[in-house]
Amino acid sequence: RLHAAGDLRMDSIEVPTPKSDEVLIKVHR
């Protein structure tokens, strides 16, 4: 995740929940 210009971090965040018109995709690559 990018927090500010030049500030990239690896974060632990919540898995998103899909809205009614969305799908949740497990990223392969």
Full PDB file with SEQRES, HELIX, SHEET, SSBOND, CRYST1, ORIGX, SCALE, CONECT and MASTER records, all heavy atoms in Angstrom:
SEQRES   1 A   29  ARG LEU HIS ALA ALA GLY ASP LEU ARG MET ASP SER ILE          
SEQRES   2 A   29  GLU VAL PRO THR PRO LYS SER ASP GLU VAL LEU ILE LYS          
SEQRES   3 A   29  VAL HIS ARG                                                  
SHEET    1 AA1 2 LEU A   2  ALA A   4  0                                        
SHEET    2 AA1 2 ASP A   7  LEU A   8 -1                                        
CRYST1    1.000    1.000    1.000  90.00  90.00  90.00 P 1           1          
ORIGX1      1.000000  0.000000  0.000000        0.00000                         
ORIGX2      0.000000  1.000000  0.000000        0.00000                         
ORIGX3      0.000000  0.000000  1.000000        0.00000                         
SCALE1      1.000000  0.000000  0.000000        0.00000                         
SCALE2      0.000000  1.000000  0.000000        0.00000                         
SCALE3      0.000000  0.000000  1.000000        0.00000                         
ATOM      1  N   ARG A   1       0.829  -1.217   0.000  1.00  0.00           N  
ATOM      2  CA  ARG A   1       0.000   0.000   0.000  1.00  0.00           C  
ATOM      3  C   ARG A   1       0.859   1.261   0.000  1.00  0.00           C  
ATOM      4  O   ARG A   1       1.905   1.341   0.662  1.00  0.00           O  
ATOM      5  CB  ARG A   1      -0.935   0.016   1.205  1.00  0.00           C  
ATOM      6  CG  ARG A   1      -1.935  -1.132   1.226  1.00  0.00           C  
ATOM      7  CD  ARG A   1      -3.185  -0.772   2.022  1.00  0.00           C  
ATOM      8  NE  ARG A   1      -2.877  -0.424   3.400  1.00  0.00           N  
ATOM      9  CZ  ARG A   1      -3.769   0.116   4.237  1.00  0.00           C  
ATOM     10  NH1 ARG A   1      -5.002   0.381   3.829  1.00  0.00           N  
ATOM     11  NH2 ARG A   1      -3.431   0.390   5.489  1.00  0.00           N  
ATOM     12  N   LEU A   2       0.365   2.244  -0.729  1.00  0.00           N  
ATOM     13  CA  LEU A   2       0.987   3.569  -0.779  1.00  0.00           C  
ATOM     14  C   LEU A   2       0.282   4.476   0.215  1.00  0.00           C  
ATOM     15  O   LEU A   2      -0.934   4.656   0.152  1.00  0.00           O  
ATOM     16  CB  LEU A   2       0.878   4.150  -2.190  1.00  0.00           C  
ATOM     17  CG  LEU A   2       1.497   5.534  -2.394  1.00  0.00           C  
ATOM     18  CD1 LEU A   2       3.011   5.464  -2.279  1.00  0.00           C  
ATOM     19  CD2 LEU A   2       1.094   6.110  -3.754  1.00  0.00           C  
ATOM     20  N   HIS A   3       1.060   5.061   1.133  1.00  0.00           N  
ATOM     21  CA  HIS A   3       0.499   5.961   2.147  1.00  0.00           C  
ATOM     22  C   HIS A   3       0.700   7.429   1.788  1.00  0.00           C  
ATOM     23  O   HIS A   3      -0.092   8.284   2.171  1.00  0.00           O  
ATOM     24  CB  HIS A   3       1.119   5.659   3.510  1.00  0.00           C  
ATOM     25  CG  HIS A   3       0.687   4.343   4.086  1.00  0.00           C  
ATOM     26  ND1 HIS A   3      -0.258   4.235   5.080  1.00  0.00           N  
ATOM     27  CD2 HIS A   3       1.054   3.076   3.784  1.00  0.00           C  
ATOM     28  CE1 HIS A   3      -0.452   2.955   5.380  1.00  0.00           C  
ATOM     29  NE2 HIS A   3       0.339   2.233   4.609  1.00  0.00           N  
ATOM     30  N   ALA A   4       1.760   7.717   1.080  1.00  0.00           N  
ATOM     31  CA  ALA A   4       2.064   9.071   0.593  1.00  0.00           C  
ATOM     32  C   ALA A   4       3.142   8.910  -0.462  1.00  0.00           C  
ATOM     33  O   ALA A   4       3.738   7.829  -0.595  1.00  0.00           O  
ATOM     34  CB  ALA A   4       2.546   9.973   1.728  1.00  0.00           C  
ATOM     35  N   ALA A   5       3.377   9.960  -1.247  1.00  0.00           N  
ATOM     36  CA  ALA A   5       4.407   9.873  -2.282  1.00  0.00           C  
ATOM     37  C   ALA A   5       5.728   9.408  -1.670  1.00  0.00           C  
ATOM     38  O   ALA A   5       6.233  10.003  -0.727  1.00  0.00           O  
ATOM     39  CB  ALA A   5       4.587  11.225  -2.959  1.00  0.00           C  
ATOM     40  N   GLY A   6       6.243   8.294  -2.193  1.00  0.00           N  
ATOM     41  CA  GLY A   6       7.490   7.748  -1.700  1.00  0.00           C  
ATOM     42  C   GLY A   6       7.358   6.861  -0.472  1.00  0.00           C  
ATOM     43  O   GLY A   6       8.354   6.310  -0.002  1.00  0.00           O  
ATOM     44  N   ASP A   7       6.145   6.697   0.041  1.00  0.00           N  
ATOM     45  CA  ASP A   7       5.930   5.914   1.267  1.00  0.00           C  
ATOM     46  C   ASP A   7       5.121   4.654   0.959  1.00  0.00           C  
ATOM     47  O   ASP A   7       3.895   4.623   1.092  1.00  0.00           O  
ATOM     48  CB  ASP A   7       5.213   6.779   2.307  1.00  0.00           C  
ATOM     49  CG  ASP A   7       5.039   6.062   3.646  1.00  0.00           C  
ATOM     50  OD1 ASP A   7       5.579   4.957   3.801  1.00  0.00           O  
ATOM     51  OD2 ASP A   7       4.341   6.617   4.520  1.00  0.00           O  
ATOM     52  N   LEU A   8       5.820   3.618   0.510  1.00  0.00           N  
ATOM     53  CA  LEU A   8       5.212   2.322   0.215  1.00  0.00           C  
ATOM     54  C   LEU A   8       5.473   1.379   1.381  1.00  0.00           C  
ATOM     55  O   LEU A   8       6.587   1.316   1.900  1.00  0.00           O  
ATOM     56  CB  LEU A   8       5.838   1.722  -1.051  1.00  0.00           C  
ATOM     57  CG  LEU A   8       5.201   2.011  -2.399  1.00  0.00           C  
ATOM     58  CD1 LEU A   8       6.082   1.435  -3.496  1.00  0.00           C  
ATOM     59  CD2 LEU A   8       3.809   1.431  -2.502  1.00  0.00           C  
ATOM     60  N   ARG A   9       4.435   0.620   1.756  1.00  0.00           N  
ATOM     61  CA  ARG A   9       4.602  -0.304   2.878  1.00  0.00           C  
ATOM     62  C   ARG A   9       3.874  -1.617   2.596  1.00  0.00           C  
ATOM     63  O   ARG A   9       2.890  -1.648   1.865  1.00  0.00           O  
ATOM     64  CB  ARG A   9       4.017   0.292   4.165  1.00  0.00           C  
ATOM     65  CG  ARG A   9       4.478   1.678   4.530  1.00  0.00           C  
ATOM     66  CD  ARG A   9       3.754   2.169   5.771  1.00  0.00           C  
ATOM     67  NE  ARG A   9       3.788   3.622   5.888  1.00  0.00           N  
ATOM     68  CZ  ARG A   9       3.069   4.305   6.787  1.00  0.00           C  
ATOM     69  NH1 ARG A   9       2.292   3.658   7.637  1.00  0.00           N  
ATOM     70  NH2 ARG A   9       3.140   5.633   6.823  1.00  0.00           N  
ATOM     71  N   MET A  10       4.363  -2.674   3.205  1.00  0.00           N  
ATOM     72  CA  MET A  10       3.635  -3.928   3.252  1.00  0.00           C  
ATOM     73  C   MET A  10       2.803  -3.915   4.519  1.00  0.00           C  
ATOM     74  O   MET A  10       3.337  -3.870   5.628  1.00  0.00           O  
ATOM     75  CB  MET A  10       4.582  -5.125   3.241  1.00  0.00           C  
ATOM     76  CG  MET A  10       5.375  -5.295   1.961  1.00  0.00           C  
ATOM     77  SD  MET A  10       4.372  -5.416   0.440  1.00  0.00           S  
ATOM     78  CE  MET A  10       3.298  -6.801   0.839  1.00  0.00           C  
ATOM     79  N   ASP A  11       1.485  -3.917   4.368  1.00  0.00           N  
ATOM     80  CA  ASP A  11       0.561  -3.818   5.492  1.00  0.00           C  
ATOM     81  C   ASP A  11      -0.246  -5.091   5.653  1.00  0.00           C  
ATOM     82  O   ASP A  11      -0.500  -5.820   4.681  1.00  0.00           O  
ATOM     83  CB  ASP A  11      -0.424  -2.661   5.281  1.00  0.00           C  
ATOM     84  CG  ASP A  11       0.244  -1.301   5.291  1.00  0.00           C  
ATOM     85  OD1 ASP A  11       1.336  -1.181   5.891  1.00  0.00           O  
ATOM     86  OD2 ASP A  11      -0.325  -0.361   4.695  1.00  0.00           O  
ATOM     87  N   SER A  12      -0.673  -5.337   6.872  1.00  0.00           N  
ATOM     88  CA  SER A  12      -1.659  -6.377   7.144  1.00  0.00           C  
ATOM     89  C   SER A  12      -3.002  -5.679   7.325  1.00  0.00           C  
ATOM     90  O   SER A  12      -3.165  -4.851   8.230  1.00  0.00           O  
ATOM     91  CB  SER A  12      -1.287  -7.160   8.403  1.00  0.00           C  
ATOM     92  OG  SER A  12      -2.264  -8.155   8.676  1.00  0.00           O  
ATOM     93  N   ILE A  13      -3.955  -5.976   6.429  1.00  0.00           N  
ATOM     94  CA  ILE A  13      -5.254  -5.313   6.456  1.00  0.00           C  
ATOM     95  C   ILE A  13      -6.376  -6.346   6.373  1.00  0.00           C  
ATOM     96  O   ILE A  13      -6.125  -7.529   6.130  1.00  0.00           O  
ATOM     97  CB  ILE A  13      -5.395  -4.303   5.291  1.00  0.00           C  
ATOM     98  CG1 ILE A  13      -5.273  -5.022   3.937  1.00  0.00           C  
ATOM     99  CG2 ILE A  13      -4.352  -3.203   5.405  1.00  0.00           C  
ATOM    100  CD1 ILE A  13      -5.540  -4.117   2.740  1.00  0.00           C  
ATOM    101  N   GLU A  14      -7.594  -5.902   6.555  1.00  0.00           N  
ATOM    102  CA  GLU A  14      -8.736  -6.801   6.488  1.00  0.00           C  
ATOM    103  C   GLU A  14      -8.977  -7.266   5.053  1.00  0.00           C  
ATOM    104  O   GLU A  14      -8.821  -6.491   4.101  1.00  0.00           O  
ATOM    105  CB  GLU A  14      -9.994  -6.111   7.013  1.00  0.00           C  
ATOM    106  CG  GLU A  14     -10.017  -5.907   8.519  1.00  0.00           C  
ATOM    107  CD  GLU A  14     -11.365  -5.394   8.994  1.00  0.00           C  
ATOM    108  OE1 GLU A  14     -12.309  -5.330   8.171  1.00  0.00           O  
ATOM    109  OE2 GLU A  14     -11.472  -5.063  10.186  1.00  0.00           O  
ATOM    110  N   VAL A  15      -9.377  -8.513   4.910  1.00  0.00           N  
ATOM    111  CA  VAL A  15      -9.808  -9.019   3.605  1.00  0.00           C  
ATOM    112  C   VAL A  15     -11.091  -8.301   3.221  1.00  0.00           C  
ATOM    113  O   VAL A  15     -12.015  -8.211   4.034  1.00  0.00           O  
ATOM    114  CB  VAL A  15     -10.046 -10.547   3.657  1.00  0.00           C  
ATOM    115  CG1 VAL A  15     -10.649 -11.039   2.346  1.00  0.00           C  
ATOM    116  CG2 VAL A  15      -8.743 -11.276   3.958  1.00  0.00           C  
ATOM    117  N   PRO A  16     -11.180  -7.731   2.012  1.00  0.00           N  
ATOM    118  CA  PRO A  16     -12.385  -6.983   1.637  1.00  0.00           C  
ATOM    119  C   PRO A  16     -13.597  -7.899   1.491  1.00  0.00           C  
ATOM    120  O   PRO A  16     -13.475  -9.080   1.177  1.00  0.00           O  
ATOM    121  CB  PRO A  16     -12.003  -6.350   0.290  1.00  0.00           C  
ATOM    122  CG  PRO A  16     -10.931  -7.243  -0.252  1.00  0.00           C  
ATOM    123  CD  PRO A  16     -10.172  -7.749   0.929  1.00  0.00           C  
ATOM    124  N   THR A  17     -14.761  -7.321   1.711  1.00  0.00           N  
ATOM    125  CA  THR A  17     -16.028  -8.031   1.534  1.00  0.00           C  
ATOM    126  C   THR A  17     -16.678  -7.532   0.254  1.00  0.00           C  
ATOM    127  O   THR A  17     -16.862  -6.319   0.097  1.00  0.00           O  
ATOM    128  CB  THR A  17     -16.971  -7.795   2.720  1.00  0.00           C  
ATOM    129  OG1 THR A  17     -16.348  -8.261   3.914  1.00  0.00           O  
ATOM    130  CG2 THR A  17     -18.300  -8.514   2.513  1.00  0.00           C  
ATOM    131  N   PRO A  18     -17.019  -8.416  -0.681  1.00  0.00           N  
ATOM    132  CA  PRO A  18     -17.620  -7.941  -1.932  1.00  0.00           C  
ATOM    133  C   PRO A  18     -19.026  -7.376  -1.716  1.00  0.00           C  
ATOM    134  O   PRO A  18     -19.813  -7.928  -0.939  1.00  0.00           O  
ATOM    135  CB  PRO A  18     -17.662  -9.203  -2.802  1.00  0.00           C  
ATOM    136  CG  PRO A  18     -17.680 -10.341  -1.831  1.00  0.00           C  
ATOM    137  CD  PRO A  18     -16.876  -9.882  -0.657  1.00  0.00           C  
ATOM    138  N   LYS A  19     -19.317  -6.269  -2.413  1.00  0.00           N  
ATOM    139  CA  LYS A  19     -20.678  -5.730  -2.415  1.00  0.00           C  
ATOM    140  C   LYS A  19     -21.563  -6.626  -3.273  1.00  0.00           C  
ATOM    141  O   LYS A  19     -21.098  -7.588  -3.880  1.00  0.00           O  
ATOM    142  CB  LYS A  19     -20.661  -4.297  -2.965  1.00  0.00           C  
ATOM    143  CG  LYS A  19     -19.842  -3.320  -2.129  1.00  0.00           C  
ATOM    144  CD  LYS A  19     -19.787  -1.958  -2.788  1.00  0.00           C  
ATOM    145  CE  LYS A  19     -18.903  -1.001  -2.013  1.00  0.00           C  
ATOM    146  NZ  LYS A  19     -18.760   0.316  -2.696  1.00  0.00           N  
ATOM    147  N   SER A  20     -22.838  -6.297  -3.338  1.00  0.00           N  
ATOM    148  CA  SER A  20     -23.790  -7.165  -4.043  1.00  0.00           C  
ATOM    149  C   SER A  20     -23.408  -7.389  -5.499  1.00  0.00           C  
ATOM    150  O   SER A  20     -23.629  -8.469  -6.042  1.00  0.00           O  
ATOM    151  CB  SER A  20     -25.202  -6.577  -3.961  1.00  0.00           C  
ATOM    152  OG  SER A  20     -25.255  -5.315  -4.611  1.00  0.00           O  
ATOM    153  N   ASP A  21     -22.822  -6.370  -6.139  1.00  0.00           N  
ATOM    154  CA  ASP A  21     -22.480  -6.476  -7.554  1.00  0.00           C  
ATOM    155  C   ASP A  21     -20.995  -6.738  -7.783  1.00  0.00           C  
ATOM    156  O   ASP A  21     -20.461  -6.450  -8.846  1.00  0.00           O  
ATOM    157  CB  ASP A  21     -22.896  -5.198  -8.291  1.00  0.00           C  
ATOM    158  CG  ASP A  21     -22.202  -3.949  -7.745  1.00  0.00           C  
ATOM    159  OD1 ASP A  21     -21.584  -4.028  -6.659  1.00  0.00           O  
ATOM    160  OD2 ASP A  21     -22.269  -2.896  -8.410  1.00  0.00           O  
ATOM    161  N   GLU A  22     -20.316  -7.307  -6.797  1.00  0.00           N  
ATOM    162  CA  GLU A  22     -18.886  -7.570  -6.892  1.00  0.00           C  
ATOM    163  C   GLU A  22     -18.577  -9.033  -6.608  1.00  0.00           C  
ATOM    164  O   GLU A  22     -19.420  -9.786  -6.099  1.00  0.00           O  
ATOM    165  CB  GLU A  22     -18.116  -6.696  -5.887  1.00  0.00           C  
ATOM    166  CG  GLU A  22     -18.170  -5.213  -6.164  1.00  0.00           C  
ATOM    167  CD  GLU A  22     -17.438  -4.399  -5.112  1.00  0.00           C  
ATOM    168  OE1 GLU A  22     -17.345  -4.847  -3.955  1.00  0.00           O  
ATOM    169  OE2 GLU A  22     -16.957  -3.305  -5.454  1.00  0.00           O  
ATOM    170  N   VAL A  23     -17.344  -9.423  -6.924  1.00  0.00           N  
ATOM    171  CA  VAL A  23     -16.819 -10.730  -6.545  1.00  0.00           C  
ATOM    172  C   VAL A  23     -15.515 -10.531  -5.787  1.00  0.00           C  
ATOM    173  O   VAL A  23     -14.835  -9.509  -5.949  1.00  0.00           O  
ATOM    174  CB  VAL A  23     -16.572 -11.638  -7.770  1.00  0.00           C  
ATOM    175  CG1 VAL A  23     -17.870 -11.923  -8.495  1.00  0.00           C  
ATOM    176  CG2 VAL A  23     -15.543 -11.033  -8.714  1.00  0.00           C  
ATOM    177  N   LEU A  24     -15.193 -11.494  -4.954  1.00  0.00           N  
ATOM    178  CA  LEU A  24     -13.911 -11.501  -4.256  1.00  0.00           C  
ATOM    179  C   LEU A  24     -12.992 -12.478  -4.996  1.00  0.00           C  
ATOM    180  O   LEU A  24     -13.352 -13.637  -5.222  1.00  0.00           O  
ATOM    181  CB  LEU A  24     -14.084 -11.939  -2.802  1.00  0.00           C  
ATOM    182  CG  LEU A  24     -12.790 -12.014  -1.967  1.00  0.00           C  
ATOM    183  CD1 LEU A  24     -12.195 -10.621  -1.786  1.00  0.00           C  
ATOM    184  CD2 LEU A  24     -13.062 -12.667  -0.614  1.00  0.00           C  
ATOM    185  N   ILE A  25     -11.818 -11.979  -5.391  1.00  0.00           N  
ATOM    186  CA  ILE A  25     -10.867 -12.773  -6.162  1.00  0.00           C  
ATOM    187  C   ILE A  25      -9.624 -13.035  -5.324  1.00  0.00           C  
ATOM    188  O   ILE A  25      -9.033 -12.099  -4.758  1.00  0.00           O  
ATOM    189  CB  ILE A  25     -10.480 -12.035  -7.463  1.00  0.00           C  
ATOM    190  CG1 ILE A  25     -11.711 -11.818  -8.336  1.00  0.00           C  
ATOM    191  CG2 ILE A  25      -9.400 -12.805  -8.221  1.00  0.00           C  
ATOM    192  CD1 ILE A  25     -11.464 -10.886  -9.515  1.00  0.00           C  
ATOM    193  N   LYS A  26      -9.236 -14.294  -5.237  1.00  0.00           N  
ATOM    194  CA  LYS A  26      -7.963 -14.646  -4.623  1.00  0.00           C  
ATOM    195  C   LYS A  26      -6.899 -14.464  -5.692  1.00  0.00           C  
ATOM    196  O   LYS A  26      -6.922 -15.140  -6.725  1.00  0.00           O  
ATOM    197  CB  LYS A  26      -7.989 -16.094  -4.124  1.00  0.00           C  
ATOM    198  CG  LYS A  26      -6.702 -16.528  -3.425  1.00  0.00           C  
ATOM    199  CD  LYS A  26      -6.823 -17.949  -2.877  1.00  0.00           C  
ATOM    200  CE  LYS A  26      -5.527 -18.441  -2.240  1.00  0.00           C  
ATOM    201  NZ  LYS A  26      -5.111 -17.618  -1.104  1.00  0.00           N  
ATOM    202  N   VAL A  27      -5.984 -13.543  -5.469  1.00  0.00           N  
ATOM    203  CA  VAL A  27      -5.005 -13.188  -6.486  1.00  0.00           C  
ATOM    204  C   VAL A  27      -3.985 -14.322  -6.638  1.00  0.00           C  
ATOM    205  O   VAL A  27      -3.429 -14.823  -5.654  1.00  0.00           O  
ATOM    206  CB  VAL A  27      -4.288 -11.871  -6.133  1.00  0.00           C  
ATOM    207  CG1 VAL A  27      -3.256 -11.516  -7.198  1.00  0.00           C  
ATOM    208  CG2 VAL A  27      -5.303 -10.736  -5.970  1.00  0.00           C  
ATOM    209  N   HIS A  28      -3.755 -14.709  -7.880  1.00  0.00           N  
ATOM    210  CA  HIS A  28      -2.738 -15.724  -8.169  1.00  0.00           C  
ATOM    211  C   HIS A  28      -1.406 -15.064  -8.489  1.00  0.00           C  
ATOM    212  O   HIS A  28      -0.376 -15.387  -7.903  1.00  0.00           O  
ATOM    213  CB  HIS A  28      -3.179 -16.585  -9.352  1.00  0.00           C  
ATOM    214  CG  HIS A  28      -2.121 -17.544  -9.820  1.00  0.00           C  
ATOM    215  ND1 HIS A  28      -1.843 -18.711  -9.156  1.00  0.00           N  
ATOM    216  CD2 HIS A  28      -1.242 -17.479 -10.857  1.00  0.00           C  
ATOM    217  CE1 HIS A  28      -0.862 -19.352  -9.767  1.00  0.00           C  
ATOM    218  NE2 HIS A  28      -0.461 -18.625 -10.805  1.00  0.00           N  
ATOM    219  N   ARG A  29      -1.437 -14.122  -9.422  1.00  0.00           N  
ATOM    220  CA  ARG A  29      -0.221 -13.432  -9.839  1.00  0.00           C  
ATOM    221  C   ARG A  29      -0.572 -12.009 -10.240  1.00  0.00           C  
ATOM    222  O   ARG A  29      -1.626 -11.765 -10.811  1.00  0.00           O  
ATOM    223  CB  ARG A  29       0.453 -14.168 -10.994  1.00  0.00           C  
ATOM    224  CG  ARG A  29       1.806 -13.603 -11.369  1.00  0.00           C  
ATOM    225  CD  ARG A  29       2.444 -14.362 -12.516  1.00  0.00           C  
ATOM    226  NE  ARG A  29       3.144 -15.564 -12.070  1.00  0.00           N  
ATOM    227  CZ  ARG A  29       4.009 -16.233 -12.838  1.00  0.00           C  
ATOM    228  NH1 ARG A  29       4.242 -15.827 -14.087  1.00  0.00           N  
ATOM    229  NH2 ARG A  29       4.627 -17.302 -12.376  1.00  0.00           N  
TER     230      ARG A  29                                                      
MASTER        0    0    0    0    2    0    0    6  229    1    0    3          
END                                                                             
